[in-house]
């Protein structure tokens, strides 16, 4: 595994943890959360692109952040 593979793995692992934790905050399944995030392109825009800032925060903070961000984006795109 080279450095870029390792970095990609860390980002994907982080995104999965954030999706599952955010789903728990919203009391929905991980699959429902993933589908809603994909629809808003927030997996890339929020979890992957903002990885450097977000991965230093607690998992609870990230879960709250992604749940709130999703709800805000969904409300503004209705």
N, C-alpha and C. Protein backbone atom coordinates (compact mmCIF):
# COMPACT_ATOMS: atom_id res chain seq x y z
N UNK A 1 0.85 -1.18 0.00
CA UNK A 1 0.00 0.00 0.00
C UNK A 1 0.90 1.24 0.00
N UNK A 2 0.68 2.13 -0.96
CA UNK A 2 1.47 3.35 -0.97
C UNK A 2 0.78 4.45 -0.16
N UNK A 3 1.42 5.61 -0.07
CA UNK A 3 0.89 6.69 0.77
C UNK A 3 -0.50 7.14 0.30
N UNK A 4 -0.71 7.28 -1.01
CA UNK A 4 -2.01 7.74 -1.48
C UNK A 4 -3.10 6.71 -1.19
N UNK A 5 -2.77 5.41 -1.28
CA UNK A 5 -3.74 4.37 -0.92
C UNK A 5 -4.09 4.46 0.55
N UNK A 6 -3.09 4.69 1.38
CA UNK A 6 -3.31 4.80 2.82
C UNK A 6 -4.16 6.02 3.15
N UNK A 7 -3.90 7.12 2.48
CA UNK A 7 -4.68 8.34 2.71
C UNK A 7 -6.13 8.13 2.25
N UNK A 8 -6.33 7.50 1.12
CA UNK A 8 -7.67 7.22 0.62
C UNK A 8 -8.41 6.31 1.61
N UNK A 9 -7.72 5.29 2.13
CA UNK A 9 -8.33 4.39 3.11
C UNK A 9 -8.77 5.16 4.35
N UNK A 10 -7.92 6.04 4.86
CA UNK A 10 -8.28 6.83 6.05
C UNK A 10 -9.51 7.70 5.79
N UNK A 11 -9.56 8.32 4.63
CA UNK A 11 -10.71 9.19 4.31
C UNK A 11 -11.99 8.38 4.17
N UNK A 12 -11.90 7.22 3.53
CA UNK A 12 -13.09 6.37 3.37
C UNK A 12 -13.54 5.85 4.73
N UNK A 13 -12.60 5.41 5.54
CA UNK A 13 -12.93 4.93 6.88
C UNK A 13 -13.60 6.03 7.70
N UNK A 14 -13.07 7.22 7.63
CA UNK A 14 -13.63 8.37 8.32
C UNK A 14 -15.06 8.64 7.83
N UNK A 15 -15.26 8.63 6.51
CA UNK A 15 -16.58 8.89 5.95
C UNK A 15 -17.60 7.85 6.42
N UNK A 16 -17.20 6.59 6.43
CA UNK A 16 -18.11 5.53 6.88
C UNK A 16 -18.50 5.74 8.34
N UNK A 17 -17.53 6.05 9.17
CA UNK A 17 -17.81 6.29 10.59
C UNK A 17 -18.74 7.49 10.75
N UNK A 18 -18.49 8.55 9.99
CA UNK A 18 -19.32 9.75 10.08
C UNK A 18 -20.74 9.47 9.61
N UNK A 19 -20.88 8.71 8.53
CA UNK A 19 -22.21 8.38 8.01
C UNK A 19 -22.99 7.58 9.04
N UNK A 20 -22.38 6.56 9.60
CA UNK A 20 -23.08 5.73 10.59
C UNK A 20 -23.43 6.53 11.84
N UNK A 21 -22.52 7.36 12.30
CA UNK A 21 -22.78 8.17 13.50
C UNK A 21 -23.84 9.24 13.23
N UNK A 22 -23.79 9.85 12.06
CA UNK A 22 -24.81 10.83 11.69
C UNK A 22 -26.17 10.19 11.56
N UNK A 23 -26.21 8.98 11.01
CA UNK A 23 -27.47 8.25 10.89
C UNK A 23 -28.07 7.99 12.26
N UNK A 24 -27.24 7.62 13.21
CA UNK A 24 -27.73 7.38 14.57
C UNK A 24 -28.32 8.66 15.16
N UNK A 25 -27.68 9.81 14.89
CA UNK A 25 -28.20 11.09 15.39
C UNK A 25 -29.59 11.39 14.82
N UNK A 26 -29.79 11.01 13.55
CA UNK A 26 -31.07 11.28 12.89
C UNK A 26 -32.05 10.13 13.04
N UNK A 27 -31.62 9.08 13.72
CA UNK A 27 -32.45 7.89 13.94
C UNK A 27 -32.92 7.26 12.63
N UNK A 28 -31.97 7.14 11.69
CA UNK A 28 -32.23 6.49 10.41
C UNK A 28 -31.13 5.45 10.17
N UNK A 29 -31.29 4.62 9.14
CA UNK A 29 -30.28 3.61 8.84
C UNK A 29 -29.07 4.26 8.16
N UNK A 30 -27.96 3.58 8.23
CA UNK A 30 -26.76 4.06 7.54
C UNK A 30 -26.99 4.17 6.05
N UNK A 31 -27.75 3.23 5.49
CA UNK A 31 -28.05 3.26 4.06
C UNK A 31 -28.87 4.49 3.70
N UNK A 32 -29.88 4.80 4.53
CA UNK A 32 -30.69 6.00 4.26
C UNK A 32 -29.82 7.26 4.34
N UNK A 33 -28.94 7.31 5.33
CA UNK A 33 -28.05 8.46 5.48
C UNK A 33 -27.15 8.59 4.27
N UNK A 34 -26.57 7.49 3.84
CA UNK A 34 -25.67 7.51 2.68
C UNK A 34 -26.40 7.99 1.44
N UNK A 35 -27.61 7.51 1.23
CA UNK A 35 -28.39 7.92 0.06
C UNK A 35 -28.71 9.41 0.10
N UNK A 36 -29.10 9.90 1.26
CA UNK A 36 -29.41 11.33 1.38
C UNK A 36 -28.16 12.19 1.20
N UNK A 37 -27.04 11.75 1.76
CA UNK A 37 -25.79 12.48 1.59
C UNK A 37 -25.34 12.48 0.13
N UNK A 38 -25.47 11.33 -0.54
CA UNK A 38 -25.09 11.24 -1.96
C UNK A 38 -25.94 12.19 -2.80
N UNK A 39 -27.22 12.25 -2.51
CA UNK A 39 -28.12 13.12 -3.26
C UNK A 39 -27.67 14.58 -3.18
N UNK A 40 -27.13 14.99 -2.05
CA UNK A 40 -26.65 16.37 -1.86
C UNK A 40 -25.16 16.51 -2.19
N UNK A 41 -24.50 15.41 -2.56
CA UNK A 41 -23.06 15.35 -2.83
C UNK A 41 -22.22 15.75 -1.61
N UNK A 42 -22.76 15.46 -0.42
CA UNK A 42 -22.07 15.86 0.80
C UNK A 42 -21.00 14.88 1.26
N UNK A 43 -21.01 13.67 0.76
CA UNK A 43 -19.92 12.76 1.13
C UNK A 43 -18.62 13.36 0.60
N UNK A 44 -18.64 13.80 -0.64
CA UNK A 44 -17.43 14.42 -1.20
C UNK A 44 -17.22 15.83 -0.65
N UNK A 45 -18.26 16.67 -0.74
CA UNK A 45 -18.11 18.08 -0.39
C UNK A 45 -17.82 18.31 1.08
N UNK A 46 -18.37 17.49 1.95
CA UNK A 46 -18.20 17.74 3.39
C UNK A 46 -17.22 16.76 4.02
N UNK A 47 -17.43 15.47 3.81
CA UNK A 47 -16.62 14.50 4.54
C UNK A 47 -15.23 14.29 3.93
N UNK A 48 -15.15 14.20 2.61
CA UNK A 48 -13.85 13.95 1.97
C UNK A 48 -13.07 15.25 1.80
N UNK A 49 -13.69 16.27 1.20
CA UNK A 49 -12.98 17.53 0.96
C UNK A 49 -12.60 18.26 2.25
N UNK A 50 -13.38 18.07 3.31
CA UNK A 50 -13.09 18.74 4.59
C UNK A 50 -12.44 17.79 5.61
N UNK A 51 -11.93 16.69 5.13
CA UNK A 51 -11.33 15.67 6.01
C UNK A 51 -10.27 16.25 6.93
N UNK A 52 -9.36 17.05 6.41
CA UNK A 52 -8.26 17.57 7.21
C UNK A 52 -8.74 18.32 8.45
N UNK A 53 -9.82 19.06 8.32
CA UNK A 53 -10.36 19.80 9.46
C UNK A 53 -11.22 18.90 10.34
N UNK A 54 -12.08 18.10 9.73
CA UNK A 54 -13.05 17.33 10.50
C UNK A 54 -12.45 16.15 11.27
N UNK A 55 -11.43 15.50 10.71
CA UNK A 55 -10.94 14.29 11.38
C UNK A 55 -10.24 14.58 12.71
N UNK A 56 -9.97 15.84 12.99
CA UNK A 56 -9.35 16.20 14.26
C UNK A 56 -10.39 16.41 15.37
N UNK A 57 -11.67 16.39 14.97
CA UNK A 57 -12.76 16.60 15.92
C UNK A 57 -13.25 15.26 16.49
N UNK A 58 -14.03 15.33 17.54
CA UNK A 58 -14.60 14.10 18.11
C UNK A 58 -15.63 13.52 17.16
N UNK A 59 -15.88 12.23 17.28
CA UNK A 59 -16.87 11.58 16.44
C UNK A 59 -18.26 12.16 16.70
N UNK A 60 -18.55 12.51 17.94
CA UNK A 60 -19.83 13.12 18.27
C UNK A 60 -19.99 14.46 17.56
N UNK A 61 -18.93 15.26 17.52
CA UNK A 61 -18.96 16.55 16.82
C UNK A 61 -19.21 16.33 15.33
N UNK A 62 -18.50 15.38 14.73
CA UNK A 62 -18.64 15.10 13.30
C UNK A 62 -20.05 14.60 12.99
N UNK A 63 -20.59 13.75 13.84
CA UNK A 63 -21.96 13.23 13.64
C UNK A 63 -22.96 14.38 13.68
N UNK A 64 -22.84 15.27 14.66
CA UNK A 64 -23.73 16.42 14.74
C UNK A 64 -23.57 17.31 13.52
N UNK A 65 -22.32 17.54 13.12
CA UNK A 65 -22.03 18.40 11.99
C UNK A 65 -22.64 17.87 10.70
N UNK A 66 -22.44 16.58 10.40
CA UNK A 66 -22.94 16.05 9.14
C UNK A 66 -24.46 15.95 9.15
N UNK A 67 -25.05 15.63 10.29
CA UNK A 67 -26.51 15.58 10.38
C UNK A 67 -27.12 16.96 10.16
N UNK A 68 -26.55 17.96 10.81
CA UNK A 68 -27.05 19.34 10.67
C UNK A 68 -26.81 19.86 9.24
N UNK A 69 -25.64 19.59 8.70
CA UNK A 69 -25.33 20.03 7.34
C UNK A 69 -26.31 19.40 6.35
N UNK A 70 -26.57 18.12 6.49
CA UNK A 70 -27.51 17.43 5.60
C UNK A 70 -28.88 18.07 5.68
N UNK A 71 -29.37 18.28 6.87
CA UNK A 71 -30.70 18.86 7.03
C UNK A 71 -30.77 20.27 6.45
N UNK A 72 -29.72 21.06 6.65
CA UNK A 72 -29.69 22.41 6.09
C UNK A 72 -29.67 22.39 4.57
N UNK A 73 -28.85 21.52 3.98
CA UNK A 73 -28.77 21.43 2.52
C UNK A 73 -30.09 20.94 1.94
N UNK A 74 -30.70 19.95 2.58
CA UNK A 74 -31.98 19.45 2.08
C UNK A 74 -33.05 20.55 2.13
N UNK A 75 -33.06 21.32 3.20
CA UNK A 75 -34.05 22.41 3.34
C UNK A 75 -33.83 23.48 2.29
N UNK A 76 -32.59 23.81 2.01
CA UNK A 76 -32.31 24.88 1.03
C UNK A 76 -32.48 24.41 -0.41
N UNK A 77 -32.50 23.10 -0.64
CA UNK A 77 -32.63 22.59 -2.01
C UNK A 77 -34.02 22.05 -2.31
N UNK A 78 -34.98 22.33 -1.45
CA UNK A 78 -36.36 21.87 -1.70
C UNK A 78 -37.04 22.73 -2.72
